[in-house]
């Protein structure tokens, strides 16, 4: 799970082993193993679950830090037997160039139901982009280039998710008594289109970027004549 820096998060606890004998205790840890917070949850007798609320200030990253994580662990007893569990989630900084999870979904033609924010790593895509073209001295006043770079970073985030998309997007969807067949998507064609957007971003950041330098002329990205999602 991925959360944005300075955003609170709710961690559900399911009492699959039975109703606790008493309170649930929990701790929040930093990557260094330091305790960042702790608490006690009083559980009603008939409860089947509880929620740990991690406040937004516990998920704030220092300036210049793009990514980190938190470990949350909890314990309680059922029939005098100790139950222990934990979860780790990633925290990502908010990035420049106007990149967003909505932009990633738009490039894949899906909605938040198929691809929630918590599954989209914008920082991983941002770092991948910078590994090819440095943004250290980029002039943020160059609006057209900024837009292309933002699109490219979102396209990279989408490319990371391409292998999972056929599973995420079910062929049929049902709501009550209604059922319909969803359009089949050629994810290979979508991938080629996304690679073209990324290539445009590299050139926007570095006009002398040579996309054939490492891969040779036979592997230059070729854009499809028809959009794989819209058919346009």
C-alpha atoms as a PDB file:
ATOM      1  CA  UNK A   1       0.000   0.000   0.000  1.00  0.00           C
ATOM      2  CA  UNK A   2       1.232   3.484  -0.912  1.00  0.00           C
ATOM      3  CA  UNK A   3       0.170   6.690   0.846  1.00  0.00           C
ATOM      4  CA  UNK A   4       1.195  10.266   0.078  1.00  0.00           C
ATOM      5  CA  UNK A   5       3.346  12.179   2.516  1.00  0.00           C
ATOM      6  CA  UNK A   6       1.327  13.980   5.174  1.00  0.00           C
ATOM      7  CA  UNK A   7      -1.745  11.792   4.653  1.00  0.00           C
ATOM      8  CA  UNK A   8      -3.351   9.750   7.416  1.00  0.00           C
ATOM      9  CA  UNK A   9      -4.082   6.074   6.926  1.00  0.00           C
ATOM     10  CA  UNK A  10      -6.483   3.533   8.444  1.00  0.00           C
ATOM     11  CA  UNK A  11      -5.225   0.014   9.164  1.00  0.00           C
ATOM     12  CA  UNK A  12      -8.042  -2.551   9.540  1.00  0.00           C
ATOM     13  CA  UNK A  13      -7.701  -5.426  12.016  1.00  0.00           C
ATOM     14  CA  UNK A  14      -9.913  -8.477  11.472  1.00  0.00           C
ATOM     15  CA  UNK A  15     -10.473 -10.694  14.501  1.00  0.00           C
ATOM     16  CA  UNK A  16     -10.299 -13.915  12.499  1.00  0.00           C
ATOM     17  CA  UNK A  17      -9.143 -15.897  15.558  1.00  0.00           C
ATOM     18  CA  UNK A  18     -12.082 -14.756  17.654  1.00  0.00           C
ATOM     19  CA  UNK A  19     -13.098 -11.805  19.786  1.00  0.00           C
ATOM     20  CA  UNK A  20     -10.202 -10.429  21.861  1.00  0.00           C
ATOM     21  CA  UNK A  21     -10.125 -11.019  25.605  1.00  0.00           C
ATOM     22  CA  UNK A  22      -9.292  -7.354  26.138  1.00  0.00           C
ATOM     23  CA  UNK A  23      -7.744  -4.332  24.480  1.00  0.00           C
ATOM     24  CA  UNK A  24      -5.680  -4.251  21.281  1.00  0.00           C
ATOM     25  CA  UNK A  25      -2.275  -2.575  21.635  1.00  0.00           C
ATOM     26  CA  UNK A  26      -0.324  -1.265  18.673  1.00  0.00           C
ATOM     27  CA  UNK A  27       2.908   0.516  17.764  1.00  0.00           C
ATOM     28  CA  UNK A  28       4.098   2.471  14.728  1.00  0.00           C
ATOM     29  CA  UNK A  29       7.769   2.122  13.748  1.00  0.00           C
ATOM     30  CA  UNK A  30      10.138   4.101  11.542  1.00  0.00           C
ATOM     31  CA  UNK A  31      12.536   2.308   9.129  1.00  0.00           C
ATOM     32  CA  UNK A  32      15.205   2.644  11.830  1.00  0.00           C
ATOM     33  CA  UNK A  33      13.027   0.657  14.230  1.00  0.00           C
ATOM     34  CA  UNK A  34      12.224   3.646  16.432  1.00  0.00           C
ATOM     35  CA  UNK A  35       8.721   3.823  17.925  1.00  0.00           C
ATOM     36  CA  UNK A  36       6.907   6.708  16.251  1.00  0.00           C
ATOM     37  CA  UNK A  37       3.615   6.220  18.066  1.00  0.00           C
ATOM     38  CA  UNK A  38       1.558   3.722  20.022  1.00  0.00           C
ATOM     39  CA  UNK A  39      -1.932   3.265  21.361  1.00  0.00           C
ATOM     40  CA  UNK A  40      -4.613   1.068  22.845  1.00  0.00           C
ATOM     41  CA  UNK A  41      -7.956   0.219  21.240  1.00  0.00           C
ATOM     42  CA  UNK A  42     -10.822  -0.785  23.517  1.00  0.00           C
ATOM     43  CA  UNK A  43     -12.781  -3.534  21.774  1.00  0.00           C
ATOM     44  CA  UNK A  44     -16.541  -4.060  22.333  1.00  0.00           C
ATOM     45  CA  UNK A  45     -17.584  -7.609  23.280  1.00  0.00           C
ATOM     46  CA  UNK A  46     -19.271  -8.307  19.931  1.00  0.00           C
ATOM     47  CA  UNK A  47     -16.685  -6.645  17.667  1.00  0.00           C
ATOM     48  CA  UNK A  48     -15.377  -8.555  14.649  1.00  0.00           C
ATOM     49  CA  UNK A  49     -12.810  -5.922  13.654  1.00  0.00           C
ATOM     50  CA  UNK A  50     -11.072  -2.726  14.704  1.00  0.00           C
ATOM     51  CA  UNK A  51      -9.174   0.075  12.982  1.00  0.00           C
ATOM     52  CA  UNK A  52      -5.808   1.624  13.791  1.00  0.00           C
ATOM     53  CA  UNK A  53      -5.765   5.279  12.774  1.00  0.00           C
ATOM     54  CA  UNK A  54      -2.310   6.559  11.872  1.00  0.00           C
ATOM     55  CA  UNK A  55      -2.479  10.388  11.889  1.00  0.00           C
ATOM     56  CA  UNK A  56      -1.136  12.454   9.017  1.00  0.00           C
ATOM     57  CA  UNK A  57       1.803  13.859  11.001  1.00  0.00           C
ATOM     58  CA  UNK A  58       3.161  10.323  11.467  1.00  0.00           C
ATOM     59  CA  UNK A  59       3.394  10.024   7.674  1.00  0.00           C
ATOM     60  CA  UNK A  60       5.125  13.331   6.942  1.00  0.00           C
ATOM     61  CA  UNK A  61       8.446  13.056   5.099  1.00  0.00           C
ATOM     62  CA  UNK A  62      11.284  15.541   5.608  1.00  0.00           C
ATOM     63  CA  UNK A  63      12.031  17.950   2.764  1.00  0.00           C
ATOM     64  CA  UNK A  64      14.102  16.209   0.092  1.00  0.00           C
ATOM     65  CA  UNK A  65      13.076  12.671   1.099  1.00  0.00           C
ATOM     66  CA  UNK A  66      11.037  11.066  -1.672  1.00  0.00           C
ATOM     67  CA  UNK A  67      10.108   7.739  -0.116  1.00  0.00           C
ATOM     68  CA  UNK A  68      10.038   5.880   3.180  1.00  0.00           C
ATOM     69  CA  UNK A  69       7.817   3.409   4.990  1.00  0.00           C
ATOM     70  CA  UNK A  70       6.124   2.644   8.289  1.00  0.00           C
ATOM     71  CA  UNK A  71       5.612  -0.647  10.098  1.00  0.00           C
ATOM     72  CA  UNK A  72       2.491  -1.001  12.221  1.00  0.00           C
ATOM     73  CA  UNK A  73       2.228  -3.980  14.590  1.00  0.00           C
ATOM     74  CA  UNK A  74      -0.561  -4.995  16.945  1.00  0.00           C
ATOM     75  CA  UNK A  75      -1.211  -7.620  19.595  1.00  0.00           C
ATOM     76  CA  UNK A  76      -4.156  -8.948  21.583  1.00  0.00           C
ATOM     77  CA  UNK A  77      -5.179 -12.206  23.222  1.00  0.00           C
ATOM     78  CA  UNK A  78      -7.941 -14.667  22.370  1.00  0.00           C
ATOM     79  CA  UNK A  79      -8.568 -17.405  24.929  1.00  0.00           C
ATOM     80  CA  UNK A  80      -5.314 -16.394  26.606  1.00  0.00           C
ATOM     81  CA  UNK A  81      -3.418 -17.044  23.345  1.00  0.00           C
ATOM     82  CA  UNK A  82      -1.366 -14.144  22.010  1.00  0.00           C
ATOM     83  CA  UNK A  83      -2.270 -12.922  18.506  1.00  0.00           C
ATOM     84  CA  UNK A  84       0.324 -10.820  16.692  1.00  0.00           C
ATOM     85  CA  UNK A  85       0.239  -9.214  13.258  1.00  0.00           C
ATOM     86  CA  UNK A  86       1.832  -6.340  11.377  1.00  0.00           C
ATOM     87  CA  UNK A  87       1.637  -4.422   8.117  1.00  0.00           C
ATOM     88  CA  UNK A  88       4.085  -2.240   6.215  1.00  0.00           C
ATOM     89  CA  UNK A  89       3.061   0.606   3.943  1.00  0.00           C
ATOM     90  CA  UNK A  90       5.087   2.929   1.731  1.00  0.00           C
ATOM     91  CA  UNK A  91       5.056   6.719   2.007  1.00  0.00           C
ATOM     92  CA  UNK A  92       5.792   8.762  -1.114  1.00  0.00           C
ATOM     93  CA  UNK A  93       6.464  12.487  -1.397  1.00  0.00           C
ATOM     94  CA  UNK A  94       4.373  14.724  -3.591  1.00  0.00           C
ATOM     95  CA  UNK A  95       6.230  15.377  -6.832  1.00  0.00           C
ATOM     96  CA  UNK A  96       6.654  18.285  -9.270  1.00  0.00           C
ATOM     97  CA  UNK A  97       5.548  18.337 -12.921  1.00  0.00           C
ATOM     98  CA  UNK A  98       1.874  17.935 -11.972  1.00  0.00           C
ATOM     99  CA  UNK A  99       2.052  14.151 -11.854  1.00  0.00           C
ATOM    100  CA  UNK A 100      -0.918  12.380 -10.287  1.00  0.00           C
ATOM    101  CA  UNK A 101      -2.553   8.990  -9.901  1.00  0.00           C
ATOM    102  CA  UNK A 102      -5.455  10.273 -12.016  1.00  0.00           C
ATOM    103  CA  UNK A 103      -3.010  10.948 -14.849  1.00  0.00           C
ATOM    104  CA  UNK A 104      -1.713   7.380 -14.669  1.00  0.00           C
ATOM    105  CA  UNK A 105      -5.252   5.959 -14.759  1.00  0.00           C
ATOM    106  CA  UNK A 106      -6.173   8.175 -17.718  1.00  0.00           C
ATOM    107  CA  UNK A 107      -3.239   6.817 -19.714  1.00  0.00           C
ATOM    108  CA  UNK A 108      -4.347   3.248 -19.005  1.00  0.00           C
ATOM    109  CA  UNK A 109      -8.046   3.944 -19.576  1.00  0.00           C
ATOM    110  CA  UNK A 110      -9.130   2.654 -16.151  1.00  0.00           C
ATOM    111  CA  UNK A 111     -10.758   4.129 -13.062  1.00  0.00           C
ATOM    112  CA  UNK A 112      -9.975   4.090  -9.343  1.00  0.00           C
ATOM    113  CA  UNK A 113     -11.953   0.886  -8.843  1.00  0.00           C
ATOM    114  CA  UNK A 114      -9.540  -0.988 -11.126  1.00  0.00           C
ATOM    115  CA  UNK A 115      -6.421   0.903 -10.022  1.00  0.00           C
ATOM    116  CA  UNK A 116      -6.530   2.659  -6.626  1.00  0.00           C
ATOM    117  CA  UNK A 117      -4.051   5.361  -5.614  1.00  0.00           C
ATOM    118  CA  UNK A 118      -2.489   2.954  -3.120  1.00  0.00           C
ATOM    119  CA  UNK A 119      -1.184   0.781  -5.996  1.00  0.00           C
ATOM    120  CA  UNK A 120       0.445   3.578  -8.021  1.00  0.00           C
ATOM    121  CA  UNK A 121       4.101   4.424  -7.327  1.00  0.00           C
ATOM    122  CA  UNK A 122       4.805   7.863  -8.772  1.00  0.00           C
ATOM    123  CA  UNK A 123       8.146   8.132  -6.978  1.00  0.00           C
ATOM    124  CA  UNK A 124       9.411   4.898  -8.539  1.00  0.00           C
ATOM    125  CA  UNK A 125       8.528   6.302 -11.974  1.00  0.00           C
ATOM    126  CA  UNK A 126      10.088   9.689 -11.161  1.00  0.00           C
ATOM    127  CA  UNK A 127      13.362   8.049 -10.133  1.00  0.00           C
ATOM    128  CA  UNK A 128      13.313   5.816 -13.220  1.00  0.00           C
ATOM    129  CA  UNK A 129      12.910   8.916 -15.411  1.00  0.00           C
ATOM    130  CA  UNK A 130      15.805  10.668 -13.641  1.00  0.00           C
ATOM    131  CA  UNK A 131      18.015   7.622 -14.105  1.00  0.00           C
ATOM    132  CA  UNK A 132      17.870   8.325 -17.838  1.00  0.00           C
ATOM    133  CA  UNK A 133      17.546  12.123 -18.002  1.00  0.00           C
ATOM    134  CA  UNK A 134      18.633  14.333 -15.099  1.00  0.00           C
ATOM    135  CA  UNK A 135      16.093  16.862 -13.825  1.00  0.00           C
ATOM    136  CA  UNK A 136      18.477  18.467 -11.328  1.00  0.00           C
ATOM    137  CA  UNK A 137      18.802  21.738 -13.248  1.00  0.00           C
ATOM    138  CA  UNK A 138      15.573  21.658 -15.240  1.00  0.00           C
ATOM    139  CA  UNK A 139      13.879  25.037 -15.765  1.00  0.00           C
ATOM    140  CA  UNK A 140      10.343  24.688 -14.349  1.00  0.00           C
ATOM    141  CA  UNK A 141       9.228  27.832 -16.212  1.00  0.00           C
ATOM    142  CA  UNK A 142       9.214  25.914 -19.519  1.00  0.00           C
ATOM    143  CA  UNK A 143       5.516  25.047 -19.484  1.00  0.00           C
ATOM    144  CA  UNK A 144       5.291  22.818 -22.603  1.00  0.00           C
ATOM    145  CA  UNK A 145       8.306  20.774 -21.522  1.00  0.00           C
ATOM    146  CA  UNK A 146       6.997  20.496 -17.958  1.00  0.00           C
ATOM    147  CA  UNK A 147       3.742  19.077 -19.305  1.00  0.00           C
ATOM    148  CA  UNK A 148       5.548  16.496 -21.442  1.00  0.00           C
ATOM    149  CA  UNK A 149       7.806  15.455 -18.565  1.00  0.00           C
ATOM    150  CA  UNK A 150       4.784  15.051 -16.282  1.00  0.00           C
ATOM    151  CA  UNK A 151       3.074  12.902 -18.892  1.00  0.00           C
ATOM    152  CA  UNK A 152       6.236  10.832 -19.290  1.00  0.00           C
ATOM    153  CA  UNK A 153       6.548  10.154 -15.551  1.00  0.00           C
ATOM    154  CA  UNK A 154       2.885   9.116 -15.396  1.00  0.00           C
ATOM    155  CA  UNK A 155       3.435   6.906 -18.446  1.00  0.00           C
ATOM    156  CA  UNK A 156       6.388   5.237 -16.711  1.00  0.00           C
ATOM    157  CA  UNK A 157       4.208   4.571 -13.647  1.00  0.00           C
ATOM    158  CA  UNK A 158       1.623   3.057 -15.993  1.00  0.00           C
ATOM    159  CA  UNK A 159       4.253   0.898 -17.707  1.00  0.00           C
ATOM    160  CA  UNK A 160       5.262  -0.542 -14.334  1.00  0.00           C
ATOM    161  CA  UNK A 161       1.659  -1.703 -13.907  1.00  0.00           C
ATOM    162  CA  UNK A 162       1.060  -3.041 -17.441  1.00  0.00           C
ATOM    163  CA  UNK A 163       1.840  -6.696 -16.509  1.00  0.00           C
ATOM    164  CA  UNK A 164      -0.997  -6.623 -13.935  1.00  0.00           C
ATOM    165  CA  UNK A 165      -3.651  -4.834 -15.982  1.00  0.00           C
ATOM    166  CA  UNK A 166      -5.219  -7.831 -17.696  1.00  0.00           C
ATOM    167  CA  UNK A 167      -5.921  -9.291 -14.255  1.00  0.00           C
ATOM    168  CA  UNK A 168      -7.109  -6.016 -12.738  1.00  0.00           C
ATOM    169  CA  UNK A 169      -9.585  -5.300 -15.532  1.00  0.00           C
ATOM    170  CA  UNK A 170     -12.129  -8.112 -15.516  1.00  0.00           C
ATOM    171  CA  UNK A 171     -13.808  -9.000 -18.804  1.00  0.00           C
ATOM    172  CA  UNK A 172     -17.299  -8.718 -17.294  1.00  0.00           C
ATOM    173  CA  UNK A 173     -18.781  -6.439 -14.686  1.00  0.00           C
ATOM    174  CA  UNK A 174     -22.007  -6.930 -12.753  1.00  0.00           C
ATOM    175  CA  UNK A 175     -24.178  -4.547 -10.756  1.00  0.00           C
ATOM    176  CA  UNK A 176     -27.352  -6.028  -9.287  1.00  0.00           C
ATOM    177  CA  UNK A 177     -29.172  -7.781 -12.104  1.00  0.00           C
ATOM    178  CA  UNK A 178     -27.234  -6.025 -14.868  1.00  0.00           C
ATOM    179  CA  UNK A 179     -24.122  -7.448 -16.478  1.00  0.00           C
ATOM    180  CA  UNK A 180     -22.092  -6.243 -19.421  1.00  0.00           C
ATOM    181  CA  UNK A 181     -18.981  -7.244 -21.322  1.00  0.00           C
ATOM    182  CA  UNK A 182     -16.090  -4.836 -20.962  1.00  0.00           C
ATOM    183  CA  UNK A 183     -14.105  -3.872 -24.034  1.00  0.00           C
ATOM    184  CA  UNK A 184     -11.051  -6.013 -24.679  1.00  0.00           C
ATOM    185  CA  UNK A 185      -7.882  -3.920 -24.485  1.00  0.00           C
ATOM    186  CA  UNK A 186      -4.709  -4.672 -26.411  1.00  0.00           C
ATOM    187  CA  UNK A 187      -2.252  -4.026 -23.578  1.00  0.00           C
ATOM    188  CA  UNK A 188       0.720  -4.536 -25.878  1.00  0.00           C
ATOM    189  CA  UNK A 189      -0.478  -1.630 -28.015  1.00  0.00           C
ATOM    190  CA  UNK A 190      -1.070   0.470 -24.897  1.00  0.00           C
ATOM    191  CA  UNK A 191       2.487  -0.279 -23.826  1.00  0.00           C
ATOM    192  CA  UNK A 192       3.902   0.921 -27.145  1.00  0.00           C
ATOM    193  CA  UNK A 193       1.884   4.141 -26.862  1.00  0.00           C
ATOM    194  CA  UNK A 194       3.128   4.731 -23.301  1.00  0.00           C
ATOM    195  CA  UNK A 195       6.727   4.158 -24.379  1.00  0.00           C
ATOM    196  CA  UNK A 196       6.265   6.862 -27.006  1.00  0.00           C
ATOM    197  CA  UNK A 197       5.051   9.318 -24.341  1.00  0.00           C
ATOM    198  CA  UNK A 198       8.083   8.495 -22.219  1.00  0.00           C
ATOM    199  CA  UNK A 199      10.398   9.087 -25.162  1.00  0.00           C
ATOM    200  CA  UNK A 200       8.801  12.514 -25.755  1.00  0.00           C
ATOM    201  CA  UNK A 201       9.449  13.335 -22.100  1.00  0.00           C
ATOM    202  CA  UNK A 202      13.121  12.433 -22.365  1.00  0.00           C
ATOM    203  CA  UNK A 203      13.477  14.744 -25.354  1.00  0.00           C
ATOM    204  CA  UNK A 204      11.612  17.544 -23.534  1.00  0.00           C
ATOM    205  CA  UNK A 205      14.051  17.326 -20.631  1.00  0.00           C
ATOM    206  CA  UNK A 206      17.101  16.890 -22.850  1.00  0.00           C
ATOM    207  CA  UNK A 207      16.716  17.960 -26.515  1.00  0.00           C
ATOM    208  CA  UNK A 208      19.906  16.106 -27.454  1.00  0.00           C
ATOM    209  CA  UNK A 209      18.781  12.844 -25.855  1.00  0.00           C
ATOM    210  CA  UNK A 210      19.526   9.910 -28.171  1.00  0.00           C
ATOM    211  CA  UNK A 211      16.954   7.162 -27.677  1.00  0.00           C
ATOM    212  CA  UNK A 212      18.927   4.791 -29.928  1.00  0.00           C
ATOM    213  CA  UNK A 213      22.189   5.091 -28.003  1.00  0.00           C
ATOM    214  CA  UNK A 214      21.605   2.019 -25.861  1.00  0.00           C
ATOM    215  CA  UNK A 215      19.163  -0.042 -27.860  1.00  0.00           C
ATOM    216  CA  UNK A 216      20.024   0.332 -31.552  1.00  0.00           C
ATOM    217  CA  UNK A 217      17.864   1.555 -34.431  1.00  0.00           C
ATOM    218  CA  UNK A 218      15.802  -1.633 -34.689  1.00  0.00           C
ATOM    219  CA  UNK A 219      14.363  -1.120 -31.218  1.00  0.00           C
ATOM    220  CA  UNK A 220      13.262   2.505 -31.543  1.00  0.00           C
ATOM    221  CA  UNK A 221       9.729   2.927 -30.156  1.00  0.00           C
ATOM    222  CA  UNK A 222       7.138   3.051 -32.930  1.00  0.00           C
ATOM    223  CA  UNK A 223       3.765   4.536 -32.035  1.00  0.00           C
ATOM    224  CA  UNK A 224       0.590   2.724 -33.109  1.00  0.00           C
ATOM    225  CA  UNK A 225      -1.569   4.461 -35.707  1.00  0.00           C
ATOM    226  CA  UNK A 226      -4.686   3.742 -33.617  1.00  0.00           C
ATOM    227  CA  UNK A 227      -5.159   4.423 -29.911  1.00  0.00           C
ATOM    228  CA  UNK A 228      -5.566   1.033 -28.193  1.00  0.00           C
ATOM    229  CA  UNK A 229      -8.192   2.328 -25.750  1.00  0.00           C
ATOM    230  CA  UNK A 230     -10.299   4.865 -27.683  1.00  0.00           C
ATOM    231  CA  UNK A 231      -9.788   3.528 -31.209  1.00  0.00           C
ATOM    232  CA  UNK A 232      -9.100   7.085 -32.404  1.00  0.00           C
END
